[in-house]
């Protein structure tokens, strides 16, 4: 049994360094984002939220127009709709947050475990190398977000996870039809 466990640990050590660390983090981020988006799609009425977003946008445009043109009649209409718009904004925010709150603790645990795996003895490990020398353009990034390497700029876990998570998240939201933009 110990040999099996030792073999598993040795195999898992492959994922501590690039390129396999980047693959593992991308797969985990993709999974977390997919689960979150599926929950959002399942637990929220996206058609209603999109309709609300259109109404809120129209209200904001009317508000800008009333201020710009000093139109008192339009300003009065804006004031009458304010309570309704505030209510649907709260409802939209609540509907968008419910799925996130349901999965917050499990996602935080996954992030914590991965963060610990890519940090050894208080030292962060490079998990992915982007093929650009960004340290020349933005020298403040060195040792905050990563370190220069021979192949480019090596990113630490947190920053690579965020980069992949936000990038993949936006693509998946649009593909699944739950993007509010």
Protein backbone atom coordinates (compact mmCIF):
# COMPACT_ATOMS: atom_id res chain seq x y z
CA UNK A 1 0.00 0.00 0.00
CA UNK A 2 2.85 2.37 0.80
CA UNK A 3 4.43 1.68 -2.59
CA UNK A 4 1.19 2.63 -4.30
CA UNK A 5 0.98 5.84 -2.28
CA UNK A 6 4.65 6.64 -2.97
CA UNK A 7 4.08 6.08 -6.69
CA UNK A 8 1.07 8.41 -6.61
CA UNK A 9 3.05 11.10 -4.77
CA UNK A 10 5.93 10.75 -7.24
CA UNK A 11 3.52 11.00 -10.17
CA UNK A 12 1.83 14.04 -8.62
CA UNK A 13 5.24 15.74 -8.21
CA UNK A 14 5.30 16.03 -12.02
CA UNK A 15 2.66 18.73 -11.67
CA UNK A 16 4.81 20.91 -9.42
CA UNK A 17 6.87 22.41 -12.27
CA UNK A 18 6.10 23.85 -15.71
CA UNK A 19 4.68 22.85 -18.15
CA UNK A 20 2.61 20.30 -16.22
CA UNK A 21 1.82 22.76 -13.43
CA UNK A 22 0.26 25.10 -15.97
CA UNK A 23 -1.78 22.26 -17.41
CA UNK A 24 -3.05 21.21 -13.96
CA UNK A 25 -3.92 24.76 -12.93
CA UNK A 26 -5.67 25.40 -16.25
CA UNK A 27 -7.68 22.17 -15.86
CA UNK A 28 -8.66 23.03 -12.28
CA UNK A 29 -9.57 26.61 -13.19
CA UNK A 30 -11.57 25.41 -16.17
CA UNK A 31 -13.42 22.89 -13.97
CA UNK A 32 -14.18 25.43 -11.25
CA UNK A 33 -15.38 27.98 -13.80
CA UNK A 34 -17.49 25.40 -15.62
CA UNK A 35 -19.15 24.23 -12.39
CA UNK A 36 -19.83 27.82 -11.35
CA UNK A 37 -21.28 28.72 -14.75
CA UNK A 38 -23.44 25.59 -14.85
CA UNK A 39 -24.78 26.44 -11.40
CA UNK A 40 -25.49 30.01 -12.50
CA UNK A 41 -27.29 28.79 -15.60
CA UNK A 42 -29.31 26.26 -13.59
CA UNK A 43 -30.15 28.45 -10.58
CA UNK A 44 -30.88 31.79 -12.25
CA UNK A 45 -33.39 33.01 -14.78
CA UNK A 46 -30.92 34.46 -17.29
CA UNK A 47 -33.63 35.77 -19.63
CA UNK A 48 -35.15 37.87 -16.86
CA UNK A 49 -31.72 39.11 -15.76
CA UNK A 50 -30.86 40.14 -19.32
CA UNK A 51 -34.20 41.95 -19.60
CA UNK A 52 -33.44 43.72 -16.31
CA UNK A 53 -29.99 44.69 -17.60
CA UNK A 54 -31.60 46.27 -20.68
CA UNK A 55 -34.05 48.21 -18.48
CA UNK A 56 -31.23 49.39 -16.21
CA UNK A 57 -29.19 50.50 -19.23
CA UNK A 58 -32.17 52.41 -20.65
CA UNK A 59 -32.73 54.05 -17.28
CA UNK A 60 -29.08 55.12 -17.07
CA UNK A 61 -29.24 56.51 -20.60
CA UNK A 62 -32.41 58.47 -19.70
CA UNK A 63 -30.68 59.76 -16.58
CA UNK A 64 -27.67 60.97 -18.59
CA UNK A 65 -29.92 62.54 -21.20
CA UNK A 66 -31.96 64.38 -18.54
CA UNK A 67 -28.80 65.81 -16.95
CA UNK A 68 -27.23 66.69 -20.27
CA UNK A 69 -30.27 68.50 -21.68
CA UNK A 70 -31.60 69.82 -18.35
CA UNK A 71 -34.95 68.29 -19.34
CA UNK A 72 -37.23 68.58 -16.29
CA UNK A 73 -39.94 66.35 -17.78
CA UNK A 74 -37.44 63.55 -18.42
CA UNK A 75 -35.86 64.10 -14.98
CA UNK A 76 -39.29 63.62 -13.38
CA UNK A 77 -39.75 60.37 -15.31
CA UNK A 78 -36.29 59.24 -14.12
CA UNK A 79 -37.19 59.98 -10.48
CA UNK A 80 -40.45 58.01 -10.80
CA UNK A 81 -38.59 54.94 -12.11
CA UNK A 82 -35.76 55.10 -9.54
CA UNK A 83 -37.42 52.85 -6.93
CA UNK A 84 -38.22 50.21 -9.54
CA UNK A 85 -34.69 50.28 -10.98
CA UNK A 86 -33.17 50.05 -7.48
CA UNK A 87 -35.33 47.00 -6.77
CA UNK A 88 -34.37 45.17 -9.97
CA UNK A 89 -30.70 46.03 -9.42
CA UNK A 90 -30.87 44.41 -5.96
CA UNK A 91 -32.72 41.44 -7.40
CA UNK A 92 -30.13 41.05 -10.17
CA UNK A 93 -27.25 41.22 -7.71
CA UNK A 94 -28.89 38.67 -5.42
CA UNK A 95 -29.62 36.29 -8.29
CA UNK A 96 -26.02 36.51 -9.53
CA UNK A 97 -24.56 35.95 -6.06
CA UNK A 98 -26.61 32.91 -5.00
CA UNK A 99 -24.67 30.34 -7.07
CA UNK A 100 -21.37 31.92 -6.10
CA UNK A 101 -22.16 31.71 -2.39
CA UNK A 102 -23.14 28.05 -2.68
CA UNK A 103 -19.73 27.13 -4.07
CA UNK A 104 -17.55 29.67 -2.26
CA UNK A 105 -16.21 27.36 0.48
CA UNK A 106 -15.37 24.40 -1.82
CA UNK A 107 -13.67 26.72 -4.31
CA UNK A 108 -11.68 28.39 -1.53
CA UNK A 109 -10.55 24.96 -0.29
CA UNK A 110 -9.37 23.97 -3.79
CA UNK A 111 -7.53 27.27 -4.13
CA UNK A 112 -5.95 26.88 -0.68
CA UNK A 113 -4.75 23.34 -1.42
CA UNK A 114 -3.27 24.30 -4.77
CA UNK A 115 -1.69 27.40 -3.31
CA UNK A 116 0.00 25.28 -0.64
CA UNK A 117 1.17 22.79 -3.26
CA UNK A 118 2.90 25.53 -5.26
CA UNK A 119 4.45 27.23 -2.26
CA UNK A 120 7.22 25.39 -0.47
CA UNK A 121 8.81 26.73 2.69
CA UNK A 122 7.31 30.16 2.15
CA UNK A 123 8.82 30.37 -1.34
CA UNK A 124 6.52 30.58 -4.34
CA UNK A 125 7.25 28.31 -7.29
CA UNK A 126 6.96 29.31 -10.92
CA UNK A 127 4.01 27.42 -12.39
CA UNK A 128 3.95 28.72 -15.96
CA UNK A 129 6.22 30.68 -18.24
CA UNK A 130 4.77 33.24 -20.62
CA UNK A 131 7.04 33.75 -23.63
CA UNK A 132 7.35 37.50 -23.14
CA UNK A 133 9.91 39.50 -21.22
CA UNK A 134 7.39 41.71 -19.48
CA UNK A 135 9.89 42.55 -16.73
CA UNK A 136 11.50 45.07 -19.08
CA UNK A 137 8.24 46.96 -19.59
CA UNK A 138 6.88 46.49 -16.07
CA UNK A 139 9.80 45.92 -13.70
CA UNK A 140 7.51 46.10 -10.64
CA UNK A 141 6.18 42.64 -11.61
CA UNK A 142 9.44 40.92 -10.65
CA UNK A 143 9.01 38.93 -7.42
CA UNK A 144 5.45 40.20 -7.06
CA UNK A 145 3.88 38.24 -9.90
CA UNK A 146 6.80 36.07 -10.98
CA UNK A 147 10.43 35.95 -12.01
CA UNK A 148 12.34 36.29 -15.25
CA UNK A 149 13.50 32.99 -16.72
CA UNK A 150 15.51 32.06 -19.78
CA UNK A 151 12.33 31.33 -21.73
CA UNK A 152 10.32 34.42 -20.72
CA UNK A 153 8.56 35.50 -17.55
CA UNK A 154 7.61 32.83 -15.00
CA UNK A 155 4.33 33.45 -13.18
CA UNK A 156 3.54 32.41 -9.62
CA UNK A 157 0.46 30.32 -8.85
CA UNK A 158 -1.94 33.08 -7.79
CA UNK A 159 -1.38 35.26 -10.85
CA UNK A 160 -1.48 32.41 -13.34
CA UNK A 161 -4.68 31.06 -11.76
CA UNK A 162 -6.29 34.51 -11.97
CA UNK A 163 -5.14 35.02 -15.56
CA UNK A 164 -6.55 31.68 -16.66
CA UNK A 165 -9.67 31.97 -14.51
CA UNK A 166 -10.72 35.37 -15.81
CA UNK A 167 -9.85 34.55 -19.41
CA UNK A 168 -11.58 31.18 -19.44
CA UNK A 169 -14.46 32.50 -17.34
CA UNK A 170 -15.40 35.19 -19.83
CA UNK A 171 -15.22 32.79 -22.77
CA UNK A 172 -17.34 30.16 -21.00
CA UNK A 173 -19.91 32.71 -19.85
CA UNK A 174 -20.40 33.94 -23.38
CA UNK A 175 -20.52 30.40 -24.78
CA UNK A 176 -23.11 29.33 -22.21
CA UNK A 177 -25.21 32.46 -22.70
CA UNK A 178 -24.97 33.71 -19.12
CA UNK A 179 -22.79 36.77 -19.74
CA UNK A 180 -24.49 39.96 -18.65
CA UNK A 181 -22.51 42.19 -21.00
